[in-house]
Protein backbone atom coordinates (compact mmCIF):
# COMPACT_ATOMS: atom_id res chain seq x y z
CA UNK A 1 24.20 -8.18 -21.90
CA UNK A 2 22.84 -6.20 -19.59
CA UNK A 3 19.28 -7.18 -18.18
CA UNK A 4 16.46 -4.66 -17.21
CA UNK A 5 13.94 -5.26 -14.23
CA UNK A 6 10.66 -3.31 -14.18
CA UNK A 7 9.07 -2.37 -11.02
CA UNK A 8 5.58 -1.35 -11.21
CA UNK A 9 4.61 0.74 -7.89
CA UNK A 10 6.59 3.16 -6.09
CA UNK A 11 5.10 3.06 -2.53
CA UNK A 12 6.92 1.20 0.08
CA UNK A 13 7.26 -2.23 -1.63
CA UNK A 14 8.36 -0.31 -4.40
CA UNK A 15 11.36 1.33 -3.05
CA UNK A 16 12.52 -1.70 -0.69
CA UNK A 17 12.63 -3.61 -3.78
CA UNK A 18 14.23 -1.20 -6.18
CA UNK A 19 16.93 -0.62 -3.42
CA UNK A 20 17.54 -4.31 -3.22
CA UNK A 21 17.95 -4.78 -6.99
CA UNK A 22 19.94 -1.96 -7.07
CA UNK A 23 22.62 -2.64 -3.89
CA UNK A 24 22.41 -6.42 -4.45
CA UNK A 25 22.50 -7.17 -8.20
CA UNK A 26 23.85 -5.57 -11.13
CA UNK A 27 20.24 -5.31 -13.29
CA UNK A 28 18.96 -2.06 -14.52
CA UNK A 29 15.94 -0.88 -12.79
CA UNK A 30 13.22 1.17 -14.37
CA UNK A 31 10.52 1.83 -11.37
CA UNK A 32 6.89 2.70 -12.75
CA UNK A 33 5.14 5.20 -10.98
CA UNK A 34 2.43 8.22 -11.42
CA UNK A 35 3.21 9.93 -8.38
CA UNK A 36 6.40 11.12 -6.18
CA UNK A 37 8.05 7.58 -4.91
CA UNK A 38 7.82 6.48 -1.43
CA UNK A 39 4.25 7.73 -0.89
CA UNK A 40 1.77 5.67 -1.91
CA UNK A 41 -1.74 5.59 0.00
CA UNK A 42 0.21 4.75 3.43
CA UNK A 43 2.63 7.39 3.53
CA UNK A 44 1.93 10.10 0.47
CA UNK A 45 -1.53 11.10 1.76
CA UNK A 46 -0.89 10.91 5.50
CA UNK A 47 -1.75 13.97 7.29
CA UNK A 48 0.68 15.28 10.39
CA UNK A 49 -1.53 13.50 12.88
CA UNK A 50 -1.45 10.10 11.29
CA UNK A 51 1.67 8.22 13.18
CA UNK A 52 3.23 5.16 12.32
CA UNK A 53 1.48 2.18 13.86
CA UNK A 54 4.92 0.60 14.53
CA UNK A 55 8.11 1.94 16.55
CA UNK A 56 10.96 3.75 14.52
CA UNK A 57 13.44 0.63 15.58
CA UNK A 58 11.34 -1.43 13.33
CA UNK A 59 11.24 0.66 10.12
CA UNK A 60 14.65 0.67 8.48
CA UNK A 61 14.75 0.19 4.89
CA UNK A 62 17.84 -1.77 5.52
CA UNK A 63 17.68 -5.37 6.49
CA UNK A 64 21.56 -4.95 7.79
CA UNK A 65 21.06 -1.81 9.77
CA UNK A 66 17.84 -1.86 11.85
CA UNK A 67 18.50 1.43 13.42
CA UNK A 68 18.64 3.51 9.93
CA UNK A 69 15.36 5.27 9.94
CA UNK A 70 15.72 6.05 13.91
CA UNK A 71 19.09 7.75 13.28
CA UNK A 72 17.83 9.28 9.94
CA UNK A 73 14.93 10.67 11.80
CA UNK A 74 16.40 11.71 15.31
CA UNK A 75 14.23 9.54 16.97
CA UNK A 76 14.51 6.99 19.72
CA UNK A 77 14.00 3.55 19.01
CA UNK A 78 10.78 3.39 20.79
CA UNK A 79 9.12 6.56 19.34
CA UNK A 80 6.14 6.54 16.79
CA UNK A 81 6.86 8.72 14.09
CA UNK A 82 4.46 10.57 11.55
CA UNK A 83 3.91 8.81 8.51
CA UNK A 84 4.40 11.58 5.88
CA UNK A 85 8.06 11.91 7.58
CA UNK A 86 8.53 7.94 6.54
CA UNK A 87 7.52 9.14 3.10
CA UNK A 88 10.19 11.48 2.86
CA UNK A 89 12.72 8.76 4.52
CA UNK A 90 11.87 6.19 1.48
CA UNK A 91 12.30 8.87 -0.82
CA UNK A 92 15.79 9.87 0.86
CA UNK A 93 16.72 5.87 0.53
CA UNK A 94 16.09 5.50 -2.93
CA UNK A 95 18.17 8.85 -3.88
CA UNK A 96 20.54 7.82 -1.97
CA UNK A 97 20.64 4.06 -3.73
CA UNK A 98 20.39 5.69 -7.29
CA UNK A 99 23.05 8.01 -6.56
CA UNK A 100 25.23 4.99 -5.48
CA UNK A 101 24.47 3.48 -8.88
CA UNK A 102 24.91 5.63 -11.59
CA UNK A 103 23.16 4.96 -15.09
CA UNK A 104 21.38 2.02 -13.53
CA UNK A 105 17.92 3.80 -12.61
CA UNK A 106 15.18 5.29 -14.71
CA UNK A 107 11.90 6.60 -13.04
CA UNK A 108 8.69 6.39 -15.69
CA UNK A 109 6.20 8.62 -13.72
CA UNK A 110 2.93 6.93 -15.84
CA UNK A 111 0.52 4.73 -14.82
CA UNK A 112 0.94 0.89 -15.65
CA UNK A 113 -2.06 -0.19 -17.33
CA UNK A 114 -1.13 -3.64 -18.32
CA UNK A 115 1.47 -6.28 -17.94
CA UNK A 116 2.22 -8.91 -20.41
CA UNK A 117 4.83 -11.39 -18.96
CA UNK A 118 6.66 -13.76 -21.46
CA UNK A 119 8.97 -16.50 -21.30
CA UNK A 120 12.03 -14.36 -22.10
CA UNK A 121 10.86 -11.13 -20.33
CA UNK A 122 7.96 -8.93 -20.53
CA UNK A 123 6.19 -5.51 -21.12
CA UNK A 124 4.54 -2.73 -18.87
CA UNK A 125 2.14 -0.80 -21.00
CA UNK A 126 1.62 2.85 -19.48
CA UNK A 127 -1.06 5.23 -19.78
CA UNK A 128 0.81 7.47 -21.88
CA UNK A 129 0.81 4.98 -24.80
CA UNK A 130 4.44 3.78 -24.50
CA UNK A 131 5.70 0.68 -22.76
CA UNK A 132 8.60 -0.69 -20.67
CA UNK A 133 10.34 -3.94 -21.89
CA UNK A 134 12.04 -5.93 -19.29
CA UNK A 135 13.98 -9.07 -18.76
CA UNK A 136 12.00 -9.34 -15.50
CA UNK A 137 8.87 -7.62 -13.83
CA UNK A 138 8.21 -6.79 -10.06
CA UNK A 139 4.52 -6.29 -9.13
CA UNK A 140 4.57 -3.77 -6.02
CA UNK A 141 1.20 -2.43 -6.65
CA UNK A 142 -0.19 -2.65 -2.83
CA UNK A 143 -3.10 -4.67 -1.51
CA UNK A 144 -6.53 -5.07 -2.80
CA UNK A 145 -8.92 -2.19 -2.42
CA UNK A 146 -11.28 -2.08 0.65
CA UNK A 147 -14.33 -3.78 0.77
CA UNK A 148 -17.04 -2.36 -1.11
CA UNK A 149 -20.18 -1.58 0.83
CA UNK A 150 -23.65 -1.82 -1.08
CA UNK A 151 -25.22 1.20 0.64
CA UNK A 152 -27.40 3.74 -1.11
CA UNK A 153 -26.72 6.82 0.94
CA UNK A 154 -26.41 10.01 -1.29
CA UNK A 155 -22.78 11.14 -0.11
CA UNK A 156 -20.90 7.72 0.19
CA UNK A 157 -17.20 7.99 0.19
CA UNK A 158 -15.59 4.91 -1.02
CA UNK A 159 -12.34 5.94 -0.63
CA UNK A 160 -11.57 8.41 2.19
CA UNK A 161 -7.78 8.95 1.17
CA UNK A 162 -8.91 10.62 -1.84
CA UNK A 163 -7.56 14.23 -1.74
CA UNK A 164 -10.13 16.64 0.08
CA UNK A 165 -12.71 14.55 0.15
CA UNK A 166 -13.36 14.89 3.90
CA UNK A 167 -12.79 18.61 3.69
CA UNK A 168 -16.34 19.71 3.01
CA UNK A 169 -17.91 17.41 5.94
CA UNK A 170 -20.12 19.92 8.03
CA UNK A 171 -18.89 19.74 11.67
CA UNK A 172 -22.57 19.69 13.11
CA UNK A 173 -23.68 16.72 11.46
CA UNK A 174 -22.79 13.31 12.23
CA UNK A 175 -20.47 11.07 10.10
CA UNK A 176 -20.73 7.22 9.94
CA UNK A 177 -17.51 5.21 9.17
CA UNK A 178 -18.08 1.62 8.10
CA UNK A 179 -15.48 -0.03 10.06
CA UNK A 180 -13.61 0.50 13.20
CA UNK A 181 -10.02 -0.20 12.36
CA UNK A 182 -6.92 1.59 11.73
CA UNK A 183 -8.47 3.60 8.75
CA UNK A 184 -11.41 4.36 10.68
CA UNK A 185 -9.12 5.90 13.58
CA UNK A 186 -7.11 7.51 10.78
CA UNK A 187 -10.50 9.38 9.52
CA UNK A 188 -11.76 10.15 12.88
CA UNK A 189 -8.65 11.88 13.71
CA UNK A 190 -8.93 13.79 10.51
CA UNK A 191 -12.57 14.68 11.16
CA UNK A 192 -11.72 16.21 14.63
CA UNK A 193 -8.10 17.61 13.91
CA UNK A 194 -9.50 21.32 13.70
CA UNK A 195 -11.52 21.25 16.92
CA UNK A 196 -14.83 22.50 15.30
CA UNK A 197 -16.42 19.05 15.37
CA UNK A 198 -19.70 19.32 17.48
CA UNK A 199 -21.66 16.23 16.07
CA UNK A 200 -19.94 12.46 16.68
CA UNK A 201 -18.27 10.46 14.37
CA UNK A 202 -19.93 6.87 14.87
CA UNK A 203 -18.00 4.04 13.69
CA UNK A 204 -19.67 0.54 13.23
CA UNK A 205 -18.27 -2.52 12.44
CA UNK A 206 -19.88 -6.37 13.01
CA UNK A 207 -17.74 -6.90 16.14
CA UNK A 208 -17.24 -3.37 16.95
CA UNK A 209 -13.75 -3.96 18.12
CA UNK A 210 -10.92 -1.28 18.09
CA UNK A 211 -7.19 -1.88 17.64
CA UNK A 212 -5.52 -2.20 20.79
CA UNK A 213 -2.78 -0.34 22.11
CA UNK A 214 1.03 -0.32 22.45
CA UNK A 215 2.88 0.24 25.58
CA UNK A 216 5.03 3.59 26.01
CA UNK A 217 7.85 1.33 26.78
CA UNK A 218 8.20 -1.83 24.35
CA UNK A 219 8.96 -5.43 25.90
CA UNK A 220 11.35 -7.48 24.10
CA UNK A 221 9.43 -10.28 22.18
CA UNK A 222 8.90 -13.45 23.75
CA UNK A 223 8.30 -16.34 21.28
CA UNK A 224 5.99 -19.24 22.71
CA UNK A 225 6.95 -22.60 22.39
CA UNK A 226 4.98 -23.31 18.95
CA UNK A 227 7.09 -26.43 17.76
CA UNK A 228 4.48 -28.98 19.01
CA UNK A 229 1.77 -27.17 17.33
CA UNK A 230 0.15 -29.28 14.81
CA UNK A 231 -3.58 -27.62 14.49
CA UNK A 232 -5.17 -24.13 14.74
CA UNK A 233 -6.38 -25.19 18.33
CA UNK A 234 -3.03 -26.05 19.47
CA UNK A 235 -1.66 -22.57 18.32
CA UNK A 236 -4.31 -20.48 19.93
CA UNK A 237 -3.88 -22.59 23.19
CA UNK A 238 -0.26 -22.25 23.24
CA UNK A 239 -0.32 -18.39 22.46
CA UNK A 240 -3.15 -17.68 25.22
CA UNK A 241 -1.10 -19.74 27.86
CA UNK A 242 2.15 -17.90 27.12
CA UNK A 243 0.26 -14.54 27.12
CA UNK A 244 -1.49 -15.42 30.56
CA UNK A 245 2.07 -16.54 32.07
CA UNK A 246 3.75 -13.40 30.43
CA UNK A 247 1.15 -10.96 32.20
CA UNK A 248 1.42 -8.87 29.01
CA UNK A 249 0.28 -10.51 25.79
CA UNK A 250 2.15 -7.75 23.53
CA UNK A 251 5.41 -9.36 23.71
CA UNK A 252 3.80 -13.18 23.17
CA UNK A 253 2.11 -11.57 19.95
CA UNK A 254 5.64 -9.85 18.90
CA UNK A 255 7.23 -13.04 19.41
CA UNK A 256 4.95 -14.96 17.36
CA UNK A 257 5.36 -12.74 14.39
CA UNK A 258 8.39 -14.48 12.89
CA UNK A 259 6.68 -17.92 12.75
CA UNK A 260 3.26 -16.61 11.18
CA UNK A 261 3.96 -17.72 7.65
CA UNK A 262 5.15 -21.00 8.83
CA UNK A 263 2.28 -21.88 11.02
CA UNK A 264 -0.09 -20.29 8.13
CA UNK A 265 0.72 -22.45 5.56
CA UNK A 266 0.90 -25.73 7.96
CA UNK A 267 -2.68 -24.92 8.75
CA UNK A 268 -5.45 -26.95 6.34
CA UNK A 269 -7.63 -24.86 4.17
CA UNK A 270 -10.18 -25.57 6.61
CA UNK A 271 -8.43 -24.43 9.47
CA UNK A 272 -7.29 -21.11 7.29
CA UNK A 273 -11.08 -20.59 6.93
CA UNK A 274 -12.05 -20.78 10.35
CA UNK A 275 -9.41 -18.49 11.41
CA UNK A 276 -10.39 -16.17 8.98
CA UNK A 277 -14.04 -16.12 9.97
CA UNK A 278 -13.53 -16.38 13.96
CA UNK A 279 -10.32 -15.34 14.77
CA UNK A 280 -8.79 -12.98 12.18
CA UNK A 281 -10.19 -9.77 13.59
CA UNK A 282 -9.60 -10.32 16.99
CA UNK A 283 -5.53 -10.93 16.12
CA UNK A 284 -5.42 -7.89 13.74
CA UNK A 285 -6.29 -5.86 16.98
CA UNK A 286 -3.50 -7.63 19.05
CA UNK A 287 -1.55 -7.54 15.97
CA UNK A 288 -1.59 -4.26 14.45
CA UNK A 289 -1.83 -1.59 17.48
CA UNK A 290 -2.37 2.13 17.90
CA UNK A 291 0.60 4.31 19.06
CA UNK A 292 0.10 5.39 22.47
CA UNK A 293 -0.37 9.13 21.37
CA UNK A 294 -3.18 7.99 19.04
CA UNK A 295 -4.89 5.90 21.68
CA UNK A 296 -4.83 8.74 23.88
CA UNK A 297 -6.80 10.76 21.33
CA UNK A 298 -8.97 8.37 20.71
CA UNK A 299 -9.95 7.97 24.56
CA UNK A 300 -10.32 11.72 24.76
CA UNK A 301 -12.76 11.83 21.77
CA UNK A 302 -14.92 9.07 23.13
CA UNK A 303 -15.06 10.81 26.58
CA UNK A 304 -16.13 14.01 24.70
CA UNK A 305 -18.99 12.08 22.99
CA UNK A 306 -17.05 12.94 19.62
CA UNK A 307 -16.18 9.38 18.82
CA UNK A 308 -18.74 6.33 19.11
CA UNK A 309 -17.86 2.91 18.63
CA UNK A 310 -20.74 0.58 17.79
CA UNK A 311 -21.44 -3.21 16.78
CA UNK A 312 -23.70 -4.22 14.20
CA UNK A 313 -24.57 -4.82 10.58
CA UNK A 314 -24.27 -1.55 8.56
CA UNK A 315 -26.88 -2.42 5.84
CA UNK A 316 -29.87 -2.21 8.54
CA UNK A 317 -28.26 0.61 10.21
CA UNK A 318 -31.16 3.06 11.43
CA UNK A 319 -31.18 6.48 10.42
CA UNK A 320 -28.83 6.54 7.56
CA UNK A 321 -29.86 9.44 6.12
CA UNK A 322 -29.28 11.75 9.02
CA UNK A 323 -25.62 11.24 8.39
CA UNK A 324 -23.57 13.84 6.60
CA UNK A 325 -21.88 11.13 4.80
CA UNK A 326 -20.95 7.35 5.09
CA UNK A 327 -16.94 6.77 4.73
CA UNK A 328 -15.74 3.30 3.98
CA UNK A 329 -13.07 2.32 6.43
CA UNK A 330 -13.43 -1.48 6.06
CA UNK A 331 -10.09 -3.70 5.36
CA UNK A 332 -9.06 -5.19 2.03
CA UNK A 333 -11.72 -6.69 0.19
CA UNK A 334 -11.14 -10.04 -1.74
CA UNK A 335 -10.39 -10.79 -5.18
CA UNK A 336 -11.33 -10.30 -8.19
CA UNK A 337 -13.88 -7.78 -7.03
CA UNK A 338 -11.23 -5.69 -4.99
CA UNK A 339 -8.69 -5.88 -7.69
CA UNK A 340 -7.53 -2.34 -9.17
CA UNK A 341 -7.30 -2.28 -13.06
CA UNK A 342 -3.85 -3.45 -13.56
CA UNK A 343 -4.29 -6.91 -11.19
CA UNK A 344 -7.89 -7.09 -12.33
CA UNK A 345 -6.34 -7.23 -16.29
CA UNK A 346 -4.05 -10.23 -15.18
CA UNK A 347 -6.91 -11.91 -13.66
CA UNK A 348 -9.20 -11.50 -16.40
CA UNK A 349 -6.66 -12.70 -18.98
CA UNK A 350 -5.79 -15.48 -16.81
CA UNK A 351 -2.18 -14.48 -16.56
CA UNK A 352 -2.67 -14.72 -12.70
CA UNK A 353 -5.21 -16.18 -10.34
CA UNK A 354 -6.54 -15.59 -6.79
CA UNK A 355 -4.40 -16.98 -3.93
CA UNK A 356 -6.19 -19.04 -1.01
CA UNK A 357 -9.03 -17.44 0.30
CA UNK A 358 -8.90 -15.01 -2.72
CA UNK A 359 -6.90 -12.61 -0.48
CA UNK A 360 -4.23 -12.15 -2.64
CA UNK A 361 -2.77 -13.61 -5.77
CA UNK A 362 -1.15 -16.98 -6.05
CA UNK A 363 2.70 -17.12 -5.92
CA UNK A 364 4.97 -19.81 -5.81
CA UNK A 365 7.76 -20.09 -2.76
CA UNK A 366 9.73 -17.50 -4.40
CA UNK A 367 7.26 -14.98 -5.04
CA UNK A 368 6.68 -15.48 -8.81
CA UNK A 369 3.03 -15.18 -9.99
CA UNK A 370 1.04 -18.08 -10.71
CA UNK A 371 -1.51 -18.23 -14.00
CA UNK A 372 -4.95 -19.69 -13.84
CA UNK A 373 -3.82 -22.98 -15.84
CA UNK A 374 -1.19 -23.32 -12.75
CA UNK A 375 1.95 -22.32 -14.88
CA UNK A 376 4.47 -20.37 -12.90
CA UNK A 377 5.86 -17.03 -14.92
CA UNK A 378 9.53 -17.44 -14.47
CA UNK A 379 9.86 -13.50 -15.15
CA UNK A 380 6.88 -12.01 -13.09
CA UNK A 381 7.08 -11.58 -9.77
CA UNK A 382 5.08 -10.02 -6.84
CA UNK A 383 5.82 -8.22 -3.55
CA UNK A 384 3.73 -6.93 -0.73
CA UNK A 385 0.29 -7.19 0.55
CA UNK A 386 -0.94 -9.13 -2.45
CA UNK A 387 1.06 -11.99 -1.13
CA UNK A 388 -1.60 -12.27 1.56
CA UNK A 389 -3.34 -15.69 1.46
CA UNK A 390 -0.14 -17.68 0.47
CA UNK A 391 1.77 -15.96 2.97
CA UNK A 392 0.09 -14.42 6.06
CA UNK A 393 2.38 -11.82 7.48
CA UNK A 394 3.30 -9.85 4.42
CA UNK A 395 2.01 -6.10 4.89
CA UNK A 396 4.57 -4.40 7.31
CA UNK A 397 7.78 -3.06 6.95
CA UNK A 398 10.03 -5.59 8.18
CA UNK A 399 8.66 -8.60 6.45
CA UNK A 400 8.57 -6.68 2.74
CA UNK A 401 12.61 -5.73 3.04
CA UNK A 402 12.81 -9.37 3.71
CA UNK A 403 11.02 -10.20 0.32
CA UNK A 404 12.93 -7.44 -1.22
CA UNK A 405 16.22 -8.99 -0.35
CA UNK A 406 15.09 -12.36 -1.02
CA UNK A 407 13.48 -11.39 -4.43
CA UNK A 408 16.77 -9.36 -5.27
CA UNK A 409 19.03 -12.75 -4.73
CA UNK A 410 16.86 -14.73 -6.74
CA UNK A 411 17.05 -12.53 -9.52
CA UNK A 412 20.84 -13.17 -9.88
CA UNK A 413 22.14 -14.23 -13.13
CA UNK A 414 22.53 -17.89 -12.92
CA UNK A 415 20.51 -18.85 -9.97
CA UNK A 416 18.18 -21.83 -10.67
CA UNK A 417 14.51 -21.59 -9.09
CA UNK A 418 12.33 -24.73 -9.05
CA UNK A 419 9.37 -24.61 -11.41
CA UNK A 420 6.76 -25.66 -8.98
CA UNK A 421 3.56 -23.60 -8.09
């Protein structure tokens, strides 16, 4: 009997897992996505000046063909392409995959409001009042919402990606950005894109750290000797020593990346917590870097006095009323407070539970969702950023496409999986 897999979410994670399910399985696939597949926050709402933070050579949708995106875009593997272009690429990949497997794919352009997993399958309830019944359900719903800020400003913008929300801000009044990461950089580029801004954009965070910069030419990854590392202190010591010997920390950071999940899960809960409190922000600045063109624009804005980076707590920020708007550019919040309605409903019902440090959902080794009572849902799967906590490196294309391949293999009929959370 023909099985059906429902994929909830049509952003990058949803497209990559749909591709793998169609190419490497025999199940029908129903993709639930209210908008156009391939977009999502990362790619669907990007402006032309928003570039990928990884080189074209790292962004293929196909694990077996690393150069696929670079060829499709006509780019050199070392180039940093527009994010909107990558959204078009994902749509092209999906269209080509669907065409190669006629009759096995349906798109339901509606928003999923509830998911009910069951022993023999599950149901996805949609906002149009209908439901999709499936033998397996894959949650590809993106990560937690940004950490919420308790600020009383009259023009507080909680979501800078809401269409048009930045357009009406006057260029002659300063704007305060809460956060100094990649989202803050994107917002600063948008606020200054037309050249009319005369008042500064001020980005503030506890440490005042901007993302660091890719080099124009990439050096090959250089993995440090991590085999004998037993503690977080060991890892930090080895990585720092290797970066010092290499003369450039970037190849060492890139070479560490394939081992991050193994290192993360080997740490004790206390060590993981220490990393999150003391080292995570510094690591993210080194790991998730700006394209050279973006970094050059940031330097120019700072030299012109149009972008200021400051350090400190936002709640006690002086002169808050002087800003035309306060824009939340903070990183992902923690569950359950930053869960969207769909994931929040699963948590409320006890059908899911937060994972380690409440960074994402609890899952088993294969990516199946764990309920509040510790039971593993045989037929409810998770892919993408909400795996963070159980895993660490789970937000970038290379890791997500690997998750998608593994998930498609694990879903093949007759495959036996352990029942251990």
